[in-house]
N, C-alpha and C. Protein backbone atom coordinates (compact mmCIF):
# COMPACT_ATOMS: atom_id res chain seq x y z
N UNK A 1 141.11 131.35 149.72
CA UNK A 1 139.88 131.57 148.91
C UNK A 1 140.05 130.84 147.54
N UNK A 2 141.23 130.92 146.94
CA UNK A 2 141.49 130.37 145.68
C UNK A 2 141.30 128.86 145.65
N UNK A 3 141.54 128.17 146.72
CA UNK A 3 141.51 126.73 146.78
C UNK A 3 140.00 126.20 146.81
N UNK A 4 139.11 127.05 147.25
CA UNK A 4 137.69 126.62 147.30
C UNK A 4 136.92 127.08 146.09
N UNK A 5 137.57 127.76 145.20
CA UNK A 5 136.88 128.28 144.03
C UNK A 5 136.64 127.14 143.05
N UNK A 6 135.35 127.03 142.59
CA UNK A 6 135.03 125.98 141.59
C UNK A 6 135.06 126.65 140.24
N UNK A 7 135.81 126.05 139.33
CA UNK A 7 135.99 126.59 137.99
C UNK A 7 135.30 125.63 137.05
N UNK A 8 134.48 126.15 136.21
CA UNK A 8 133.76 125.42 135.18
C UNK A 8 134.49 125.71 133.88
N UNK A 9 135.47 124.80 133.54
CA UNK A 9 136.26 125.05 132.29
C UNK A 9 135.86 124.13 131.16
N UNK A 10 134.64 123.55 131.20
CA UNK A 10 134.18 122.58 130.25
C UNK A 10 134.24 123.12 128.81
N UNK A 11 133.65 124.36 128.60
CA UNK A 11 133.64 124.96 127.33
C UNK A 11 135.04 125.16 126.75
N UNK A 12 135.95 125.74 127.62
CA UNK A 12 137.29 125.91 127.14
C UNK A 12 137.95 124.66 126.82
N UNK A 13 137.86 123.67 127.59
CA UNK A 13 138.53 122.39 127.35
C UNK A 13 137.92 121.72 126.12
N UNK A 14 136.72 121.88 125.93
CA UNK A 14 135.95 121.26 124.68
C UNK A 14 136.57 121.90 123.47
N UNK A 15 136.65 123.27 123.51
CA UNK A 15 137.24 123.94 122.32
C UNK A 15 138.66 123.44 122.04
N UNK A 16 139.46 123.29 123.17
CA UNK A 16 140.75 122.87 123.03
C UNK A 16 140.84 121.42 122.38
N UNK A 17 139.94 120.60 122.87
CA UNK A 17 139.88 119.26 122.36
C UNK A 17 139.45 119.22 120.87
N UNK A 18 138.44 120.01 120.48
CA UNK A 18 138.11 120.12 119.10
C UNK A 18 139.18 120.64 118.20
N UNK A 19 139.87 121.65 118.65
CA UNK A 19 141.05 122.13 117.89
C UNK A 19 142.13 121.14 117.70
N UNK A 20 142.38 120.32 118.69
CA UNK A 20 143.42 119.19 118.58
C UNK A 20 142.88 118.22 117.56
N UNK A 21 141.58 117.88 117.63
CA UNK A 21 141.05 116.85 116.70
C UNK A 21 141.03 117.32 115.26
N UNK A 22 140.93 118.65 115.05
CA UNK A 22 140.98 119.17 113.65
C UNK A 22 142.34 119.12 113.11
N UNK A 23 143.34 119.29 113.95
CA UNK A 23 144.79 119.18 113.52
C UNK A 23 145.36 117.82 113.43
N UNK A 24 144.57 116.76 113.73
CA UNK A 24 145.06 115.37 113.75
C UNK A 24 145.36 114.84 112.41
N UNK A 25 146.51 114.19 112.30
CA UNK A 25 146.94 113.54 111.05
C UNK A 25 146.69 112.00 111.27
N UNK A 26 146.69 111.29 110.18
CA UNK A 26 146.41 109.86 110.25
C UNK A 26 147.49 109.10 111.01
N UNK A 27 147.17 108.00 111.65
CA UNK A 27 148.14 107.28 112.42
C UNK A 27 148.17 107.57 113.90
N UNK A 28 148.76 106.76 114.70
CA UNK A 28 148.92 107.05 116.17
C UNK A 28 149.95 108.08 116.41
N UNK A 29 149.59 108.99 117.28
CA UNK A 29 150.43 110.15 117.65
C UNK A 29 150.46 110.28 119.22
N UNK A 30 151.46 109.83 119.89
CA UNK A 30 151.57 109.86 121.30
C UNK A 30 151.33 111.30 121.90
N UNK A 31 152.01 112.26 121.24
CA UNK A 31 151.88 113.66 121.65
C UNK A 31 150.41 114.08 121.56
N UNK A 32 149.70 113.76 120.55
CA UNK A 32 148.25 114.06 120.39
C UNK A 32 147.45 113.51 121.61
N UNK A 33 147.77 112.13 121.83
CA UNK A 33 147.05 111.56 122.91
C UNK A 33 147.28 112.27 124.26
N UNK A 34 148.53 112.65 124.52
CA UNK A 34 148.83 113.39 125.79
C UNK A 34 148.10 114.73 125.85
N UNK A 35 147.80 115.30 124.74
CA UNK A 35 147.15 116.63 124.73
C UNK A 35 145.60 116.49 124.97
N UNK A 36 145.03 115.43 124.52
CA UNK A 36 143.59 115.29 124.66
C UNK A 36 143.10 114.31 125.72
N UNK A 37 143.93 113.39 126.14
CA UNK A 37 143.47 112.42 127.18
C UNK A 37 143.99 112.73 128.55
N UNK A 38 143.12 112.93 129.53
CA UNK A 38 143.51 113.22 130.84
C UNK A 38 144.04 111.96 131.49
N UNK A 39 143.30 110.85 131.42
CA UNK A 39 143.81 109.63 131.98
C UNK A 39 142.99 108.44 131.31
N UNK A 40 143.58 107.28 131.45
CA UNK A 40 143.07 105.99 130.95
C UNK A 40 143.04 105.06 132.15
N UNK A 41 141.82 104.49 132.44
CA UNK A 41 141.76 103.49 133.53
C UNK A 41 141.36 102.12 132.92
N UNK A 42 142.17 101.21 133.18
CA UNK A 42 141.97 99.76 132.71
C UNK A 42 141.42 99.02 133.84
N UNK A 43 140.30 98.38 133.61
CA UNK A 43 139.67 97.49 134.73
C UNK A 43 139.86 96.06 134.50
N UNK A 44 139.58 95.25 135.49
CA UNK A 44 139.77 93.88 135.44
C UNK A 44 138.69 93.15 134.57
N UNK A 45 137.66 93.84 134.25
CA UNK A 45 136.63 93.30 133.34
C UNK A 45 136.87 93.47 131.86
N UNK A 46 138.11 93.72 131.55
CA UNK A 46 138.60 93.94 130.16
C UNK A 46 137.97 95.20 129.51
N UNK A 47 137.81 96.29 130.23
CA UNK A 47 137.32 97.52 129.75
C UNK A 47 138.34 98.64 130.04
N UNK A 48 138.32 99.60 129.24
CA UNK A 48 139.18 100.86 129.49
C UNK A 48 138.26 102.10 129.48
N UNK A 49 138.52 103.01 130.42
CA UNK A 49 137.76 104.19 130.44
C UNK A 49 138.77 105.28 130.16
N UNK A 50 138.45 106.06 129.07
CA UNK A 50 139.20 107.17 128.69
C UNK A 50 138.57 108.45 129.18
N UNK A 51 139.27 109.27 129.91
CA UNK A 51 138.80 110.60 130.35
C UNK A 51 139.55 111.65 129.56
N UNK A 52 138.77 112.43 128.82
CA UNK A 52 139.35 113.55 128.03
C UNK A 52 139.51 114.72 128.84
N UNK A 53 140.29 115.76 128.29
CA UNK A 53 140.59 117.00 129.01
C UNK A 53 139.27 117.74 129.44
N UNK A 54 138.26 117.59 128.68
CA UNK A 54 136.99 118.30 129.07
C UNK A 54 136.14 117.52 130.04
N UNK A 55 136.62 116.40 130.61
CA UNK A 55 136.02 115.58 131.60
C UNK A 55 134.98 114.66 131.09
N UNK A 56 134.84 114.58 129.76
CA UNK A 56 133.90 113.55 129.14
C UNK A 56 134.62 112.19 129.20
N UNK A 57 133.93 111.14 129.27
CA UNK A 57 134.55 109.77 129.38
C UNK A 57 133.88 108.85 128.39
N UNK A 58 134.71 107.97 127.90
CA UNK A 58 134.25 106.84 126.99
C UNK A 58 134.79 105.62 127.55
N UNK A 59 133.89 104.59 127.69
CA UNK A 59 134.30 103.34 128.15
C UNK A 59 134.27 102.31 126.95
N UNK A 60 135.33 101.56 126.81
CA UNK A 60 135.46 100.73 125.69
C UNK A 60 135.82 99.23 126.19
N UNK A 61 135.33 98.23 125.54
CA UNK A 61 135.67 96.87 125.82
C UNK A 61 137.01 96.57 125.07
N UNK A 62 137.98 95.91 125.79
CA UNK A 62 139.30 95.67 125.24
C UNK A 62 139.27 94.24 124.61
N UNK A 63 139.95 94.00 123.51
CA UNK A 63 140.02 92.73 122.89
C UNK A 63 141.39 92.20 123.31
N UNK A 64 141.54 91.58 124.42
CA UNK A 64 142.83 91.16 125.03
C UNK A 64 143.29 89.90 124.37
N UNK A 65 142.39 89.00 124.10
CA UNK A 65 142.81 87.68 123.45
C UNK A 65 143.14 87.66 122.08
N UNK A 66 142.92 88.79 121.38
CA UNK A 66 143.24 88.89 120.01
C UNK A 66 142.23 88.22 119.07
N UNK A 67 141.10 87.81 119.64
CA UNK A 67 140.06 87.09 118.77
C UNK A 67 138.95 88.04 118.45
């Protein structure tokens, strides 16, 4: 029964994400990224999709050539 149970944890994970963002210091922090980003998918069309712990996603174009 436990395996078929659908859990809606959006509100909980959003609160967790907002708390992490409020505690963020300036500069890159790998530990911070591990806490808020569930996965990053890089596509062949030079875009990256970031999926956060609350399942929201952001898709960004990558500047691969440095121009």
